[in-house]
N, C-alpha and C. Protein backbone atom coordinates (compact mmCIF):
# COMPACT_ATOMS: atom_id res chain seq x y z
N UNK A 1 10.81 -22.99 -13.68
CA UNK A 1 11.22 -21.69 -13.22
C UNK A 1 10.41 -20.60 -13.89
N UNK A 2 10.20 -19.53 -13.16
CA UNK A 2 9.39 -18.44 -13.66
C UNK A 2 10.20 -17.48 -14.54
N UNK A 3 11.49 -17.63 -14.53
CA UNK A 3 12.36 -16.80 -15.39
C UNK A 3 13.13 -17.75 -16.29
N UNK A 4 12.98 -17.50 -17.58
CA UNK A 4 13.71 -18.31 -18.59
C UNK A 4 14.90 -17.46 -19.06
N UNK A 5 16.08 -17.97 -18.81
CA UNK A 5 17.28 -17.24 -19.17
C UNK A 5 17.82 -17.71 -20.52
N UNK A 6 18.00 -16.77 -21.41
CA UNK A 6 18.65 -17.05 -22.66
C UNK A 6 19.93 -16.22 -22.66
N UNK A 7 20.66 -16.23 -23.76
CA UNK A 7 21.97 -15.59 -23.76
C UNK A 7 21.93 -14.12 -23.32
N UNK A 8 21.06 -13.34 -23.92
CA UNK A 8 21.04 -11.90 -23.61
C UNK A 8 19.68 -11.37 -23.16
N UNK A 9 18.73 -12.28 -22.94
CA UNK A 9 17.38 -11.87 -22.53
C UNK A 9 16.86 -12.82 -21.46
N UNK A 10 16.26 -12.27 -20.43
CA UNK A 10 15.55 -13.07 -19.42
C UNK A 10 14.07 -12.82 -19.61
N UNK A 11 13.31 -13.91 -19.78
CA UNK A 11 11.87 -13.84 -19.97
C UNK A 11 11.18 -14.16 -18.66
N UNK A 12 10.41 -13.20 -18.13
CA UNK A 12 9.67 -13.39 -16.87
C UNK A 12 8.28 -13.91 -17.19
N UNK A 13 7.91 -15.02 -16.53
CA UNK A 13 6.62 -15.67 -16.80
C UNK A 13 5.80 -15.80 -15.50
N UNK A 14 4.56 -15.48 -15.62
CA UNK A 14 3.58 -15.70 -14.54
C UNK A 14 4.06 -15.03 -13.23
N UNK A 15 4.25 -15.84 -12.18
CA UNK A 15 4.60 -15.35 -10.86
C UNK A 15 6.09 -15.60 -10.60
N UNK A 16 6.82 -14.51 -10.38
CA UNK A 16 8.25 -14.62 -10.07
C UNK A 16 8.39 -14.49 -8.56
N UNK A 17 8.81 -15.57 -7.92
CA UNK A 17 8.85 -15.65 -6.46
C UNK A 17 10.21 -15.24 -5.91
N UNK A 18 10.26 -15.13 -4.59
CA UNK A 18 11.45 -14.70 -3.90
C UNK A 18 12.67 -15.60 -4.19
N UNK A 19 12.43 -16.88 -4.38
CA UNK A 19 13.56 -17.78 -4.61
C UNK A 19 14.26 -17.57 -5.96
N UNK A 20 13.73 -16.71 -6.79
CA UNK A 20 14.33 -16.38 -8.11
C UNK A 20 15.39 -15.26 -7.96
N UNK A 21 15.35 -14.51 -6.89
CA UNK A 21 16.18 -13.30 -6.75
C UNK A 21 17.68 -13.58 -6.85
N UNK A 22 18.16 -14.56 -6.14
CA UNK A 22 19.59 -14.84 -6.14
C UNK A 22 20.09 -15.25 -7.53
N UNK A 23 19.35 -16.16 -8.18
CA UNK A 23 19.72 -16.59 -9.51
C UNK A 23 19.68 -15.42 -10.50
N UNK A 24 18.69 -14.56 -10.35
CA UNK A 24 18.58 -13.39 -11.23
C UNK A 24 19.79 -12.48 -11.05
N UNK A 25 20.17 -12.21 -9.81
CA UNK A 25 21.36 -11.36 -9.59
C UNK A 25 22.63 -12.01 -10.17
N UNK A 26 22.80 -13.30 -9.96
CA UNK A 26 23.97 -13.98 -10.50
C UNK A 26 24.00 -13.91 -12.04
N UNK A 27 22.83 -14.04 -12.67
CA UNK A 27 22.76 -13.99 -14.14
C UNK A 27 23.18 -12.60 -14.62
N UNK A 28 22.66 -11.56 -13.96
CA UNK A 28 23.07 -10.22 -14.37
C UNK A 28 24.56 -9.93 -14.13
N UNK A 29 25.11 -10.53 -13.11
CA UNK A 29 26.56 -10.36 -12.90
C UNK A 29 27.37 -10.97 -14.04
N UNK A 30 26.84 -12.04 -14.59
CA UNK A 30 27.51 -12.69 -15.75
C UNK A 30 27.16 -12.02 -17.07
N UNK A 31 25.97 -11.40 -17.13
CA UNK A 31 25.49 -10.80 -18.38
C UNK A 31 24.99 -9.36 -18.09
N UNK A 32 25.90 -8.46 -17.78
CA UNK A 32 25.48 -7.11 -17.36
C UNK A 32 24.75 -6.29 -18.43
N UNK A 33 24.92 -6.64 -19.68
CA UNK A 33 24.26 -5.90 -20.77
C UNK A 33 22.94 -6.54 -21.19
N UNK A 34 22.51 -7.55 -20.48
CA UNK A 34 21.32 -8.32 -20.84
C UNK A 34 20.04 -7.48 -20.66
N UNK A 35 18.99 -7.89 -21.34
CA UNK A 35 17.68 -7.23 -21.29
C UNK A 35 16.69 -8.16 -20.63
N UNK A 36 15.53 -7.60 -20.27
CA UNK A 36 14.47 -8.41 -19.70
C UNK A 36 13.18 -8.22 -20.48
N UNK A 37 12.40 -9.27 -20.58
CA UNK A 37 11.10 -9.26 -21.24
C UNK A 37 10.05 -9.60 -20.16
N UNK A 38 9.24 -8.63 -19.80
CA UNK A 38 8.25 -8.81 -18.76
C UNK A 38 6.84 -9.03 -19.28
N UNK A 39 6.72 -9.24 -20.58
CA UNK A 39 5.37 -9.28 -21.20
C UNK A 39 4.43 -10.34 -20.60
N UNK A 40 4.96 -11.48 -20.15
CA UNK A 40 4.10 -12.53 -19.60
C UNK A 40 4.11 -12.57 -18.07
N UNK A 41 4.60 -11.53 -17.44
CA UNK A 41 4.68 -11.45 -15.99
C UNK A 41 3.31 -11.09 -15.41
N UNK A 42 2.91 -11.75 -14.33
CA UNK A 42 1.68 -11.41 -13.65
C UNK A 42 1.91 -10.92 -12.23
N UNK A 43 3.05 -11.29 -11.63
CA UNK A 43 3.37 -10.86 -10.27
C UNK A 43 4.89 -11.05 -10.05
N UNK A 44 5.49 -10.12 -9.33
CA UNK A 44 6.91 -10.22 -9.01
C UNK A 44 7.13 -9.93 -7.52
N UNK A 45 7.88 -10.79 -6.87
CA UNK A 45 8.22 -10.57 -5.48
C UNK A 45 9.16 -9.36 -5.40
N UNK A 46 9.04 -8.59 -4.33
CA UNK A 46 9.83 -7.38 -4.20
C UNK A 46 11.34 -7.63 -4.13
N UNK A 47 11.76 -8.83 -3.74
CA UNK A 47 13.20 -9.15 -3.74
C UNK A 47 13.74 -9.13 -5.15
N UNK A 48 12.97 -9.61 -6.09
CA UNK A 48 13.37 -9.61 -7.51
C UNK A 48 13.31 -8.19 -8.05
N UNK A 49 12.33 -7.45 -7.62
CA UNK A 49 12.26 -6.04 -8.02
C UNK A 49 13.49 -5.27 -7.53
N UNK A 50 13.94 -5.55 -6.33
CA UNK A 50 15.12 -4.90 -5.80
C UNK A 50 16.35 -5.21 -6.64
N UNK A 51 16.45 -6.43 -7.13
CA UNK A 51 17.56 -6.79 -8.02
C UNK A 51 17.47 -5.93 -9.28
N UNK A 52 16.30 -5.83 -9.86
CA UNK A 52 16.12 -5.03 -11.09
C UNK A 52 16.40 -3.56 -10.83
N UNK A 53 16.01 -3.06 -9.68
CA UNK A 53 16.25 -1.66 -9.34
C UNK A 53 17.75 -1.38 -9.21
N UNK A 54 18.50 -2.35 -8.74
CA UNK A 54 19.93 -2.20 -8.56
C UNK A 54 20.65 -2.31 -9.91
N UNK A 55 20.20 -3.21 -10.76
CA UNK A 55 20.87 -3.46 -12.05
C UNK A 55 20.44 -2.47 -13.12
N UNK A 56 19.18 -2.04 -13.08
CA UNK A 56 18.62 -1.14 -14.09
C UNK A 56 18.80 -1.66 -15.51
N UNK A 57 18.25 -2.86 -15.79
CA UNK A 57 18.41 -3.43 -17.14
C UNK A 57 17.47 -2.74 -18.13
N UNK A 58 17.76 -2.96 -19.38
CA UNK A 58 16.89 -2.52 -20.47
C UNK A 58 15.67 -3.45 -20.46
N UNK A 59 14.48 -2.87 -20.51
CA UNK A 59 13.25 -3.68 -20.58
C UNK A 59 12.78 -3.70 -22.03
N UNK A 60 12.83 -4.88 -22.63
CA UNK A 60 12.45 -5.00 -24.04
C UNK A 60 10.94 -5.10 -24.20
N UNK A 61 10.23 -5.54 -23.18
CA UNK A 61 8.76 -5.62 -23.21
C UNK A 61 8.23 -5.52 -21.79
N UNK A 62 7.21 -4.67 -21.64
CA UNK A 62 6.55 -4.48 -20.34
C UNK A 62 5.38 -5.46 -20.18
N UNK A 63 4.90 -5.68 -18.95
CA UNK A 63 3.76 -6.58 -18.71
C UNK A 63 2.49 -6.07 -19.44
N UNK A 64 1.66 -7.01 -19.81
CA UNK A 64 0.38 -6.68 -20.45
C UNK A 64 -0.56 -6.04 -19.45
N UNK A 65 -0.47 -6.43 -18.18
CA UNK A 65 -1.30 -5.88 -17.11
C UNK A 65 -0.90 -4.41 -16.87
N UNK A 66 -1.81 -3.48 -17.12
CA UNK A 66 -1.51 -2.06 -17.05
C UNK A 66 -1.07 -1.60 -15.66
N UNK A 67 -1.74 -2.10 -14.61
CA UNK A 67 -1.36 -1.70 -13.25
C UNK A 67 0.05 -2.15 -12.91
N UNK A 68 0.35 -3.39 -13.24
CA UNK A 68 1.69 -3.91 -12.99
C UNK A 68 2.73 -3.17 -13.82
N UNK A 69 2.38 -2.87 -15.06
CA UNK A 69 3.27 -2.13 -15.95
C UNK A 69 3.62 -0.77 -15.35
N UNK A 70 2.61 -0.04 -14.89
CA UNK A 70 2.83 1.31 -14.33
C UNK A 70 3.68 1.22 -13.05
N UNK A 71 3.41 0.22 -12.22
CA UNK A 71 4.15 0.03 -10.99
C UNK A 71 5.62 -0.22 -11.27
N UNK A 72 5.90 -1.13 -12.23
CA UNK A 72 7.27 -1.45 -12.58
C UNK A 72 7.97 -0.29 -13.30
N UNK A 73 7.27 0.39 -14.17
CA UNK A 73 7.86 1.55 -14.85
C UNK A 73 8.27 2.61 -13.86
N UNK A 74 7.46 2.85 -12.85
CA UNK A 74 7.82 3.89 -11.85
C UNK A 74 9.01 3.45 -11.01
N UNK A 75 9.09 2.16 -10.73
CA UNK A 75 10.20 1.64 -9.92
C UNK A 75 11.50 1.55 -10.71
N UNK A 76 11.40 1.28 -12.01
CA UNK A 76 12.59 1.06 -12.80
C UNK A 76 12.98 2.27 -13.68
N UNK A 77 12.32 3.37 -13.47
CA UNK A 77 12.61 4.59 -14.25
C UNK A 77 14.07 5.00 -14.03
N UNK A 78 14.73 5.30 -15.13
CA UNK A 78 16.17 5.67 -15.04
C UNK A 78 16.32 7.15 -14.79
């Protein structure tokens, strides 16, 4: 899986595909105060981005890729 779920942090790795969206939403419903670490993310499907836009989680680390980082920061700005 491209998302590794721990107790209070979800680590996004490489390419996060559309099939991750439902599990991601369910995890946030169970852990509403959880954070996300996007440091190893290289691509995210927009369905997963929509989940993040709805939940507005705390981002503990942004992607290393500057273009992806700027895109996600603009979408997830509170």
